[in-house]
Amino acid sequence: MKPNEGIALLRQLPTCLLFKRLGDTAFDVSIAFARQFGEAVVSDAFLDSLRFFDPITKDELSGSYHPFAIAEETLHLCQWVRIQSYERGIQFFIESAVITVGGVSLVVINAKAVQNNLFIAPEESSPVGKHITFNGLLSTLSSQLINTTSDKVDSLIENILGAFGEFCDLDRCYLFEFYDDKKFACNTHEWVAAGVTPYKNDLQALPMETMPYLDRKIKQDGLFKVNNVAYLPREAAGEKEEFEREHICSILCAAIELDEGIFGFIGCDITGSPYTWRDYDIKYLERIAQMLANTLQNAHNERALYEAKQQLIEANLKLAKLANIDGLTGIANRRLFDDTLQSDIQRSVQCKMPLSLLLIDVDHFKIYNDCYGHVAGDRVLIKVAEILKETCVGNDDVVARYGGEEFAVIMPFTDMNSALKVAERIRSNIEQAAIVFKQSSYNSRLTISLGASTMAFTHPVSPNELIQRADAALYLAKSLGRNRVDVWENRETALR
């Protein structure tokens, strides 16, 4: 037999073959192989479009990794491969051999298409066998779901889509989630076969009003089935345009329902050539949808529980704030002051650092209230609190309303000299605020008096004793004319 006759014979054999002369670059295929891709004849355009991919890594097999390159080097090839044409991709198990025809060596690859559920007619395989295999897949995936944690749900969903897509030899599997009152859909997860273009990034905010036919079918019927995109009804013009952009020929989608209602939908595509979806195809997809629904419901419940806990924590913080914050001035109240002073004294002793305390009184506040009214008096207290907060800039300083018109400032890790500087700034800032008080003896302005005390870590005292010292210094400041700072340690010295 002449070489050309042998090649012609290989092309006509009723089996999927790829072949070429040993050492050549170009290869040919049998008509039976071309028909797997919907081609009636073997054209140059079809041959040029063929690309080979690793079905696991999805890497394109080229150069030394091309099946023909391996077949020539090893003389025998045995592997899984996904072959993609301009129409569609199919997974094959390929084996090779080198034969001699008319003195010419030919590399021949026999390709066996993966015959999974979606491409086996009922009469060509055992329904029981198919269901057993699919149930085995579900069992494996269910075990993974049971043992997963919430932080791994997203990656597991990707794995589920991939396992289903590979099992059924699909081109694309995905999950869409509705949001904004189900007016939009977001492609949250996607798996694509080797050589198939992903579109997840393009479909992050899909207005469902542009897909009215799909939207109605999913939300009313829970199912969207299209055997041939070319025959979509006129009302599905938007869907047809998008599907053709994605090279989709057949599409099947099933709704995902949670306790709160419809969550979204899972879908799968076949590109290149139409496919008639069978009843068991729908049943399999719906079972995957139910599995995902259970997973998403558990994740939703866990997230809701977490959010409820966070809300409870925030509510408790607000209650604690209300219990510890003065309602008028917004600064710490007496309760928080007492707790903080107790803990700060202990901390100062442990850290071997001093602690200072200021007690502050608004001069002649009762007279101010009598002259200007309680509303104006409240405004004065708020203003004084603001100036205290702005002046006391230490990270650990606590400004508190001690009672009535009295305020206090706790200054951890602060010695007497530093405390006096802060106290004088406070006194000066209040005076410069120029709060009108005509009965005041200081340029008709409202003033304050301050008493300071400091605890050395070598001589710790109780909170009450430290307060009594500061109060004694405050009494001294008021008795010596007000609008001044006085110190408990040196009653004869005062700063203006």
Protein backbone atom coordinates (compact mmCIF):
# COMPACT_ATOMS: atom_id res chain seq x y z
CA MET A 1 0.00 0.00 0.00
CA LYS A 2 1.28 3.42 -0.94
CA PRO A 3 1.70 6.06 1.79
CA ASN A 4 -1.05 8.30 0.39
CA GLU A 5 -3.43 5.35 0.23
CA GLY A 6 -2.65 4.52 3.87
CA ILE A 7 -3.34 8.11 4.94
CA ALA A 8 -6.62 8.12 2.99
CA LEU A 9 -7.59 4.87 4.70
CA LEU A 10 -6.85 6.27 8.17
CA ARG A 11 -9.02 9.28 7.40
CA GLN A 12 -11.99 7.03 6.48
CA LEU A 13 -11.77 4.64 9.43
CA PRO A 14 -14.82 4.85 11.76
CA THR A 15 -12.74 5.75 14.80
CA CYS A 16 -11.23 8.96 16.18
CA LEU A 17 -7.68 9.17 14.89
CA LEU A 18 -5.01 11.87 14.62
CA PHE A 19 -1.97 11.05 12.51
CA LYS A 20 1.05 12.49 10.74
CA ARG A 21 4.28 11.48 9.07
CA LEU A 22 7.15 10.96 11.48
CA GLY A 23 9.14 14.21 11.62
CA ASP A 24 6.44 16.39 10.03
CA THR A 25 4.75 19.28 11.85
CA ALA A 26 1.31 19.18 10.21
CA PHE A 27 -1.10 16.43 11.18
CA ASP A 28 -4.40 15.09 9.87
CA VAL A 29 -7.48 13.56 11.52
CA SER A 30 -10.13 11.04 10.63
CA ILE A 31 -13.59 12.14 9.60
CA ALA A 32 -14.95 10.34 12.67
CA PHE A 33 -12.79 12.60 14.85
CA ALA A 34 -14.02 15.73 13.07
CA ARG A 35 -17.63 14.65 13.54
CA GLN A 36 -17.09 14.64 17.30
CA PHE A 37 -16.73 18.41 16.94
CA GLY A 38 -19.73 18.83 14.66
CA GLU A 39 -17.64 18.97 11.46
CA ALA A 40 -18.95 17.16 8.37
CA VAL A 41 -15.57 17.27 6.62
CA VAL A 42 -11.95 17.71 7.63
CA SER A 43 -11.07 21.28 6.64
CA ASP A 44 -7.79 23.16 6.99
CA ALA A 45 -9.57 25.71 9.20
CA PHE A 46 -10.69 22.94 11.55
CA LEU A 47 -7.20 21.42 11.71
CA ASP A 48 -5.61 24.82 12.36
CA SER A 49 -8.04 25.50 15.23
CA LEU A 50 -7.21 22.36 17.21
CA ARG A 51 -5.41 23.02 20.49
CA PHE A 52 -4.44 20.55 23.19
CA PHE A 53 -4.79 21.14 26.95
CA ASP A 54 -4.00 19.33 30.18
CA PRO A 55 -7.50 18.79 31.68
CA ILE A 56 -6.16 19.13 35.23
CA THR A 57 -3.80 22.11 35.08
CA LYS A 58 -5.58 23.62 32.03
CA ASP A 59 -2.15 24.42 30.56
CA GLU A 60 -1.92 24.32 26.80
CA LEU A 61 0.21 21.43 25.57
CA SER A 62 2.64 22.80 23.02
CA GLY A 63 6.26 22.38 22.03
CA SER A 64 7.82 19.35 23.71
CA TYR A 65 4.56 18.80 25.66
CA HIS A 66 2.43 18.44 22.52
CA PRO A 67 0.97 14.92 22.29
CA PHE A 68 2.62 14.31 18.92
CA ALA A 69 6.00 15.45 20.29
CA ILE A 70 5.70 13.00 23.18
CA ALA A 71 4.47 10.24 20.86
CA GLU A 72 7.49 10.70 18.58
CA GLU A 73 9.95 10.75 21.49
CA THR A 74 8.55 7.82 23.47
CA LEU A 75 6.95 5.97 20.53
CA HIS A 76 4.01 5.27 22.81
CA LEU A 77 1.63 7.83 24.36
CA CYS A 78 -1.02 7.17 27.01
CA GLN A 79 -2.70 10.16 28.69
CA TRP A 80 -5.80 12.29 29.19
CA VAL A 81 -6.09 15.42 27.11
CA ARG A 82 -8.72 18.05 26.29
CA ILE A 83 -8.84 19.01 22.62
CA GLN A 84 -10.37 22.38 21.76
CA SER A 85 -11.56 23.50 18.33
CA TYR A 86 -13.05 26.82 17.33
CA GLU A 87 -16.43 25.23 18.06
CA ARG A 88 -16.01 23.32 21.31
CA GLY A 89 -13.75 21.26 23.57
CA ILE A 90 -13.87 17.53 24.29
CA GLN A 91 -11.89 15.44 26.76
CA PHE A 92 -10.18 12.35 25.31
CA PHE A 93 -8.07 9.46 26.48
CA ILE A 94 -5.34 9.12 23.86
CA GLU A 95 -2.90 6.35 22.99
CA SER A 96 -0.29 6.38 20.23
CA ALA A 97 1.68 4.02 18.06
CA VAL A 98 4.10 4.30 15.16
CA ILE A 99 3.15 2.29 12.06
CA THR A 100 4.83 1.89 8.71
CA VAL A 101 2.86 2.19 5.47
CA GLY A 102 4.65 1.82 2.15
CA GLY A 103 8.00 2.46 3.80
CA VAL A 104 6.79 5.67 5.47
CA SER A 105 6.53 5.87 9.29
CA LEU A 106 3.33 7.39 10.62
CA VAL A 107 2.58 8.51 14.18
CA VAL A 108 -1.04 7.55 14.90
CA ILE A 109 -3.00 8.70 17.97
CA ASN A 110 -6.22 6.93 18.88
CA ALA A 111 -8.58 9.29 20.77
CA LYS A 112 -11.40 7.92 22.91
CA ALA A 113 -13.91 10.61 23.87
CA VAL A 114 -14.88 10.74 27.53
CA GLN A 115 -18.45 9.50 27.52
CA ASN A 116 -19.94 11.02 30.63
CA ASN A 117 -23.58 11.49 31.51
CA LEU A 118 -24.48 14.40 29.29
CA PHE A 119 -23.30 12.73 26.10
CA ILE A 120 -24.47 9.16 26.47
CA ALA A 121 -27.90 8.28 25.18
CA PRO A 122 -29.87 6.04 27.57
CA GLU A 123 -29.68 3.09 25.22
CA GLU A 124 -25.87 3.34 25.02
CA SER A 125 -25.10 2.93 28.71
CA SER A 126 -26.57 1.52 31.89
CA PRO A 127 -28.82 4.04 33.68
CA VAL A 128 -28.06 2.25 36.92
CA GLY A 129 -24.34 2.58 36.29
CA LYS A 130 -24.68 6.29 35.55
CA HIS A 131 -26.67 6.94 38.70
CA ILE A 132 -24.25 4.95 40.84
CA THR A 133 -21.33 6.93 39.47
CA PHE A 134 -23.08 10.25 39.98
CA ASN A 135 -24.19 9.30 43.49
CA GLY A 136 -20.57 8.44 44.23
CA LEU A 137 -19.59 11.93 43.13
CA LEU A 138 -22.29 13.45 45.35
CA SER A 139 -21.13 11.36 48.30
CA THR A 140 -17.56 12.55 47.87
CA LEU A 141 -18.60 16.18 47.59
CA SER A 142 -20.97 15.88 50.56
CA SER A 143 -18.15 14.53 52.73
CA GLN A 144 -16.03 17.51 51.81
CA LEU A 145 -18.88 19.88 52.68
CA ILE A 146 -19.46 18.28 56.08
CA ASN A 147 -15.81 18.66 57.03
CA THR A 148 -15.30 22.17 55.66
CA THR A 149 -15.15 25.44 57.59
CA SER A 150 -16.84 28.71 56.67
CA ASP A 151 -13.59 30.28 55.49
CA LYS A 152 -13.17 27.50 52.92
CA VAL A 153 -16.71 27.50 51.50
CA ASP A 154 -15.83 29.61 48.45
CA SER A 155 -12.96 27.37 47.35
CA LEU A 156 -15.10 24.28 47.95
CA ILE A 157 -17.89 25.68 45.77
CA GLU A 158 -15.32 26.16 43.00
CA ASN A 159 -14.27 22.53 43.48
CA ILE A 160 -17.88 21.34 43.29
CA LEU A 161 -18.47 23.23 40.05
CA GLY A 162 -15.23 21.83 38.64
CA ALA A 163 -16.01 18.26 39.65
CA PHE A 164 -19.47 18.45 38.10
CA GLY A 165 -18.15 20.13 34.95
CA GLU A 166 -15.43 17.54 34.43
CA PHE A 167 -17.76 14.66 35.25
CA CYS A 168 -20.27 15.83 32.66
CA ASP A 169 -17.70 17.12 30.15
CA LEU A 170 -19.19 20.62 30.24
CA ASP A 171 -17.47 23.74 29.03
CA ARG A 172 -18.46 26.09 31.83
CA CYS A 173 -20.15 25.87 35.26
CA TYR A 174 -20.98 28.84 37.46
CA LEU A 175 -22.93 30.25 40.37
CA PHE A 176 -24.83 33.55 40.31
CA GLU A 177 -26.07 35.35 43.42
CA PHE A 178 -28.95 37.83 43.36
CA TYR A 179 -28.65 41.11 45.26
CA ASP A 180 -30.28 44.54 45.59
CA ASP A 181 -33.78 43.06 45.94
CA LYS A 182 -32.90 40.51 43.22
CA LYS A 183 -32.61 43.22 40.59
CA PHE A 184 -28.98 42.34 39.90
CA ALA A 185 -26.96 39.13 39.72
CA CYS A 186 -23.28 38.60 40.43
CA ASN A 187 -21.19 35.73 39.04
CA THR A 188 -19.54 34.71 42.32
CA HIS A 189 -17.99 31.38 41.29
CA GLU A 190 -16.98 29.89 37.95
CA TRP A 191 -15.24 26.85 36.52
CA VAL A 192 -14.22 26.56 32.88
CA ALA A 193 -12.74 23.67 30.95
CA ALA A 194 -9.28 23.95 29.46
CA GLY A 195 -9.27 26.27 26.47
CA VAL A 196 -12.63 27.84 27.36
CA THR A 197 -12.82 31.58 28.00
CA PRO A 198 -13.94 32.58 31.53
CA TYR A 199 -16.45 35.44 31.88
CA LYS A 200 -16.75 35.77 35.65
CA ASN A 201 -15.09 39.20 35.77
CA ASP A 202 -17.45 40.51 33.09
CA LEU A 203 -20.56 39.45 34.98
CA GLN A 204 -20.21 41.10 38.39
CA ALA A 205 -23.23 43.42 38.20
CA LEU A 206 -25.66 41.92 35.71
CA PRO A 207 -28.98 43.85 35.59
CA MET A 208 -31.68 41.20 35.48
CA GLU A 209 -33.90 43.59 33.52
CA THR A 210 -31.58 42.94 30.58
CA MET A 211 -32.32 39.20 30.93
CA PRO A 212 -36.11 39.19 31.42
CA TYR A 213 -36.67 35.71 29.97
CA LEU A 214 -33.99 34.08 32.11
CA ASP A 215 -35.12 36.09 35.14
CA ARG A 216 -38.74 34.96 34.81
CA LYS A 217 -37.91 31.30 34.19
CA ILE A 218 -35.54 31.05 37.15
CA LYS A 219 -37.75 32.92 39.62
CA GLN A 220 -41.06 31.34 38.56
CA ASP A 221 -40.13 27.86 37.33
CA GLY A 222 -36.80 27.35 39.10
CA LEU A 223 -35.32 26.15 35.80
CA PHE A 224 -33.93 27.69 32.62
CA LYS A 225 -33.29 25.22 29.79
CA VAL A 226 -32.13 26.11 26.28
CA ASN A 227 -31.15 23.33 23.88
CA ASN A 228 -30.18 25.71 21.10
CA VAL A 229 -29.53 29.40 21.72
CA ALA A 230 -30.30 30.10 18.06
CA TYR A 231 -33.97 29.27 18.70
CA LEU A 232 -34.54 31.50 21.72
CA PRO A 233 -37.85 33.44 21.53
CA ARG A 234 -37.95 37.11 20.58
CA GLU A 235 -38.43 38.19 24.21
CA ALA A 236 -35.00 36.65 24.95
CA ALA A 237 -33.11 38.96 22.59
CA GLY A 238 -30.92 40.22 25.45
CA GLU A 239 -30.11 36.70 26.56
CA LYS A 240 -29.32 35.59 23.02
CA GLU A 241 -26.92 38.49 22.49
CA GLU A 242 -25.03 37.72 25.71
CA PHE A 243 -24.96 33.95 25.12
CA GLU A 244 -23.60 34.42 21.61
CA ARG A 245 -20.95 36.76 22.97
CA GLU A 246 -19.87 33.94 25.28
CA HIS A 247 -20.11 31.38 22.41
CA ILE A 248 -22.81 29.45 24.29
CA CYS A 249 -24.90 27.06 22.22
CA SER A 250 -26.78 25.27 25.01
CA ILE A 251 -27.42 26.37 28.57
CA LEU A 252 -29.06 24.83 31.63
CA CYS A 253 -29.67 26.69 34.91
CA ALA A 254 -31.37 25.69 38.17
CA ALA A 255 -32.51 27.99 40.98
CA ILE A 256 -30.91 27.84 44.42
CA GLU A 257 -33.47 28.31 47.19
CA LEU A 258 -32.63 29.22 50.79
CA ASP A 259 -34.97 29.64 53.76
CA GLU A 260 -35.27 33.36 52.97
CA GLY A 261 -36.21 32.74 49.34
CA ILE A 262 -34.35 32.42 46.06
CA PHE A 263 -30.61 33.01 46.45
CA GLY A 264 -29.48 32.76 42.85
CA PHE A 265 -28.84 29.98 40.36
CA ILE A 266 -26.29 27.44 39.21
CA GLY A 267 -25.74 27.04 35.49
CA CYS A 268 -23.73 25.13 32.92
CA ASP A 269 -22.89 25.85 29.29
CA ILE A 270 -21.95 23.91 26.20
CA THR A 271 -20.14 25.92 23.55
CA GLY A 272 -19.69 25.21 19.89
CA SER A 273 -22.58 22.89 19.16
CA PRO A 274 -26.17 22.54 20.48
CA TYR A 275 -27.13 19.81 22.91
CA THR A 276 -30.56 18.48 23.87
CA TRP A 277 -30.80 18.38 27.63
CA ARG A 278 -32.34 15.17 28.97
CA ASP A 279 -34.39 14.62 32.11
CA TYR A 280 -31.48 13.11 34.02
CA ASP A 281 -29.28 16.08 33.06
CA ILE A 282 -31.78 18.36 34.79
CA LYS A 283 -32.07 16.03 37.77
CA TYR A 284 -28.30 15.92 38.23
CA LEU A 285 -27.97 19.71 38.06
CA GLU A 286 -30.85 20.18 40.51
CA ARG A 287 -29.17 17.82 42.98
CA ILE A 288 -25.97 19.83 42.74
CA ALA A 289 -28.07 22.98 43.24
CA GLN A 290 -29.63 21.47 46.37
CA MET A 291 -26.18 20.56 47.69
CA LEU A 292 -24.98 24.11 47.14
CA ALA A 293 -28.17 25.45 48.73
CA ASN A 294 -27.46 23.45 51.89
CA THR A 295 -23.89 24.72 51.93
CA LEU A 296 -24.90 28.32 51.37
CA GLN A 297 -27.70 28.06 53.96
CA ASN A 298 -25.24 26.82 56.57
CA ALA A 299 -22.82 29.60 55.66
CA HIS A 300 -25.68 32.11 55.80
CA ASN A 301 -26.77 30.84 59.22
CA GLU A 302 -23.22 30.99 60.51
CA ARG A 303 -22.81 34.50 59.14
CA ALA A 304 -26.14 35.57 60.64
CA LEU A 305 -25.08 34.15 64.01
CA TYR A 306 -21.79 36.02 63.79
CA GLU A 307 -23.58 39.26 62.87
CA ALA A 308 -26.01 38.78 65.75
CA LYS A 309 -23.09 38.32 68.13
CA GLN A 310 -21.43 41.44 66.74
CA GLN A 311 -24.65 43.41 67.16
CA LEU A 312 -24.90 42.15 70.74
CA ILE A 313 -21.31 43.20 71.40
CA GLU A 314 -21.98 46.63 69.90
CA ALA A 315 -25.17 46.96 71.94
CA ASN A 316 -23.30 46.05 75.11
CA LEU A 317 -20.60 48.57 74.25
CA LYS A 318 -23.26 51.24 73.75
CA LEU A 319 -24.85 50.30 77.08
CA ALA A 320 -21.44 50.41 78.74
CA LYS A 321 -20.84 53.79 77.15
CA LEU A 322 -24.19 55.07 78.38
CA ALA A 323 -23.36 53.77 81.85
CA ASN A 324 -19.92 55.41 81.85
CA ILE A 325 -20.45 58.63 79.89
CA ASP A 326 -21.95 61.84 81.20
CA GLY A 327 -25.12 62.53 79.26
CA LEU A 328 -24.65 66.31 79.11
CA THR A 329 -20.96 66.76 78.32
CA GLY A 330 -20.12 63.47 76.61
CA ILE A 331 -17.06 62.88 78.80
CA ALA A 332 -16.50 60.20 81.46
CA ASN A 333 -18.91 60.24 84.38
CA ARG A 334 -18.18 59.72 88.09
CA ARG A 335 -18.53 55.95 87.81
CA LEU A 336 -15.92 55.65 85.08
CA PHE A 337 -13.71 58.15 86.91
CA ASP A 338 -13.72 56.04 90.08
CA ASP A 339 -12.97 52.80 88.20
CA THR A 340 -10.22 54.40 86.13
CA LEU A 341 -8.50 56.08 89.08
CA GLN A 342 -8.39 52.79 90.98
CA SER A 343 -6.87 50.87 88.06
CA ASP A 344 -4.48 53.67 87.07
CA ILE A 345 -3.05 53.87 90.61
CA GLN A 346 -2.31 50.14 90.48
CA ARG A 347 -0.83 50.44 87.00
CA SER A 348 1.40 53.36 88.00
CA VAL A 349 2.79 51.40 90.95
CA GLN A 350 3.43 48.35 88.76
CA CYS A 351 5.14 50.46 86.09
CA LYS A 352 7.00 52.54 88.71
CA MET A 353 5.65 55.81 87.35
CA PRO A 354 3.94 58.80 89.00
CA LEU A 355 0.26 59.68 88.62
CA SER A 356 -1.31 63.13 88.84
CA LEU A 357 -4.89 64.23 89.45
CA LEU A 358 -6.58 67.57 88.76
CA LEU A 359 -9.87 68.68 90.29
CA ILE A 360 -11.51 71.65 88.56
CA ASP A 361 -14.38 73.87 89.66
CA VAL A 362 -16.20 76.56 87.65
CA ASP A 363 -15.93 79.75 89.67
CA HIS A 364 -19.22 81.18 91.00
CA PHE A 365 -21.24 78.77 88.85
CA LYS A 366 -24.36 79.10 91.05
CA ILE A 367 -24.34 82.87 90.48
CA TYR A 368 -23.91 82.26 86.74
CA ASN A 369 -26.93 79.96 86.71
CA ASP A 370 -29.01 82.46 88.65
CA CYS A 371 -28.10 85.26 86.21
CA TYR A 372 -28.21 83.45 82.88
CA GLY A 373 -30.40 80.43 83.51
CA HIS A 374 -29.79 76.68 83.61
CA VAL A 375 -29.76 76.27 79.82
CA ALA A 376 -26.89 78.74 79.56
CA GLY A 377 -25.27 76.98 82.51
CA ASP A 378 -25.44 73.66 80.66
CA ARG A 379 -23.80 75.29 77.63
CA VAL A 380 -20.96 76.49 79.87
CA LEU A 381 -20.40 72.99 81.25
CA ILE A 382 -20.32 71.57 77.71
CA LYS A 383 -17.83 74.25 76.64
CA VAL A 384 -15.57 73.60 79.63
CA ALA A 385 -15.61 69.86 78.87
CA GLU A 386 -14.62 70.54 75.25
CA ILE A 387 -11.68 72.73 76.32
CA LEU A 388 -10.55 70.08 78.80
CA LYS A 389 -10.57 67.39 76.11
CA GLU A 390 -8.70 69.61 73.66
CA THR A 391 -6.08 70.57 76.25
CA CYS A 392 -5.44 67.16 77.78
CA VAL A 393 -3.81 65.41 74.86
CA GLY A 394 -2.10 62.54 76.68
CA ASN A 395 -3.01 59.13 75.27
CA ASP A 396 -4.04 57.82 78.69
CA ASP A 397 -5.52 61.03 80.14
CA VAL A 398 -9.12 60.71 81.31
CA VAL A 399 -11.32 63.80 81.50
CA ALA A 400 -14.41 63.30 83.67
CA ARG A 401 -17.33 65.22 85.10
CA TYR A 402 -16.86 64.77 88.83
CA GLY A 403 -20.20 66.24 89.83
CA GLY A 404 -22.23 69.40 89.24
CA GLU A 405 -19.80 72.06 88.02
CA GLU A 406 -16.74 70.05 89.05
CA PHE A 407 -14.45 68.22 86.64
CA ALA A 408 -11.47 65.92 87.07
CA VAL A 409 -8.48 64.89 84.96
CA ILE A 410 -6.52 61.68 85.61
CA MET A 411 -3.01 61.81 84.14
CA PRO A 412 -1.11 58.51 84.43
CA PHE A 413 2.69 58.54 84.15
CA THR A 414 2.69 62.31 84.75
CA ASP A 415 4.81 64.06 87.41
CA MET A 416 3.87 67.25 89.25
CA ASN A 417 5.75 69.66 86.97
CA SER A 418 4.06 68.27 83.85
CA ALA A 419 0.68 68.23 85.59
CA LEU A 420 1.03 71.89 86.55
CA LYS A 421 1.82 72.85 82.96
CA VAL A 422 -1.34 71.10 81.78
CA ALA A 423 -3.37 72.70 84.58
CA GLU A 424 -2.15 76.18 83.70
CA ARG A 425 -2.97 75.61 80.01
CA ILE A 426 -6.48 74.58 80.98
CA ARG A 427 -6.95 77.67 83.19
CA SER A 428 -5.59 79.95 80.46
CA ASN A 429 -7.69 78.36 77.70
CA ILE A 430 -10.88 78.79 79.73
CA GLU A 431 -10.06 82.43 80.37
CA GLN A 432 -9.24 83.03 76.70
CA ALA A 433 -12.53 81.44 75.67
CA ALA A 434 -14.04 84.73 76.89
CA ILE A 435 -17.30 83.28 78.16
CA VAL A 436 -19.26 86.36 79.23
CA PHE A 437 -19.96 86.52 82.98
CA LYS A 438 -20.59 90.13 84.05
CA GLN A 439 -20.54 89.26 87.75
CA SER A 440 -16.99 87.89 87.44
CA SER A 441 -14.14 89.91 88.90
CA TYR A 442 -11.86 88.91 86.01
CA ASN A 443 -12.74 91.17 83.05
CA SER A 444 -16.34 89.93 83.11
CA ARG A 445 -15.21 86.49 81.99
CA LEU A 446 -15.98 83.07 83.39
CA THR A 447 -13.00 81.41 85.11
CA ILE A 448 -12.08 78.15 86.83
CA SER A 449 -10.01 77.09 89.82
CA LEU A 450 -7.82 73.96 89.85
CA GLY A 451 -6.27 71.77 92.52
CA ALA A 452 -3.48 69.30 91.73
CA SER A 453 -2.01 66.32 93.56
CA THR A 454 0.61 63.78 92.52
CA MET A 455 1.29 60.27 93.77
CA ALA A 456 4.83 58.91 93.67
CA PHE A 457 4.99 55.18 92.94
CA THR A 458 7.26 54.81 95.97
CA HIS A 459 4.46 56.14 98.20
CA PRO A 460 1.19 54.81 96.81
CA VAL A 461 -2.05 56.11 98.25
CA SER A 462 -5.70 55.16 97.95
CA PRO A 463 -7.99 56.84 95.42
CA ASN A 464 -9.83 58.62 98.25
CA GLU A 465 -6.63 60.04 99.68
CA LEU A 466 -5.45 61.29 96.28
CA ILE A 467 -8.86 62.92 95.71
CA GLN A 468 -8.79 64.52 99.17
CA ARG A 469 -5.36 66.03 98.43
CA ALA A 470 -6.53 67.48 95.10
CA ASP A 471 -9.72 68.72 96.75
CA ALA A 472 -7.69 70.44 99.48
CA ALA A 473 -5.56 72.13 96.81
CA LEU A 474 -8.74 73.20 94.96
CA TYR A 475 -10.17 74.65 98.18
CA LEU A 476 -6.94 76.57 98.67
CA ALA A 477 -7.09 77.95 95.09
CA LYS A 478 -10.65 79.18 95.63
CA SER A 479 -9.91 80.68 99.02
CA LEU A 480 -6.93 82.56 97.58
CA GLY A 481 -9.03 84.36 94.98
CA ARG A 482 -10.00 81.76 92.32
CA ASN A 483 -8.86 81.62 88.65
CA ARG A 484 -5.68 79.87 89.75
CA VAL A 485 -3.94 76.51 90.17
CA ASP A 486 -2.79 75.31 93.56
CA VAL A 487 -0.87 72.22 94.62
CA TRP A 488 -1.46 70.04 97.64
CA GLU A 489 2.27 69.39 98.19
CA ASN A 490 3.01 73.13 98.54
CA ARG A 491 0.01 75.08 99.77
CA GLU A 492 1.88 78.31 99.93
CA THR A 493 2.70 78.29 96.22
CA ALA A 494 0.16 79.00 93.50
CA LEU A 495 0.45 79.41 89.74
CA ARG A 496 -1.55 82.00 87.79
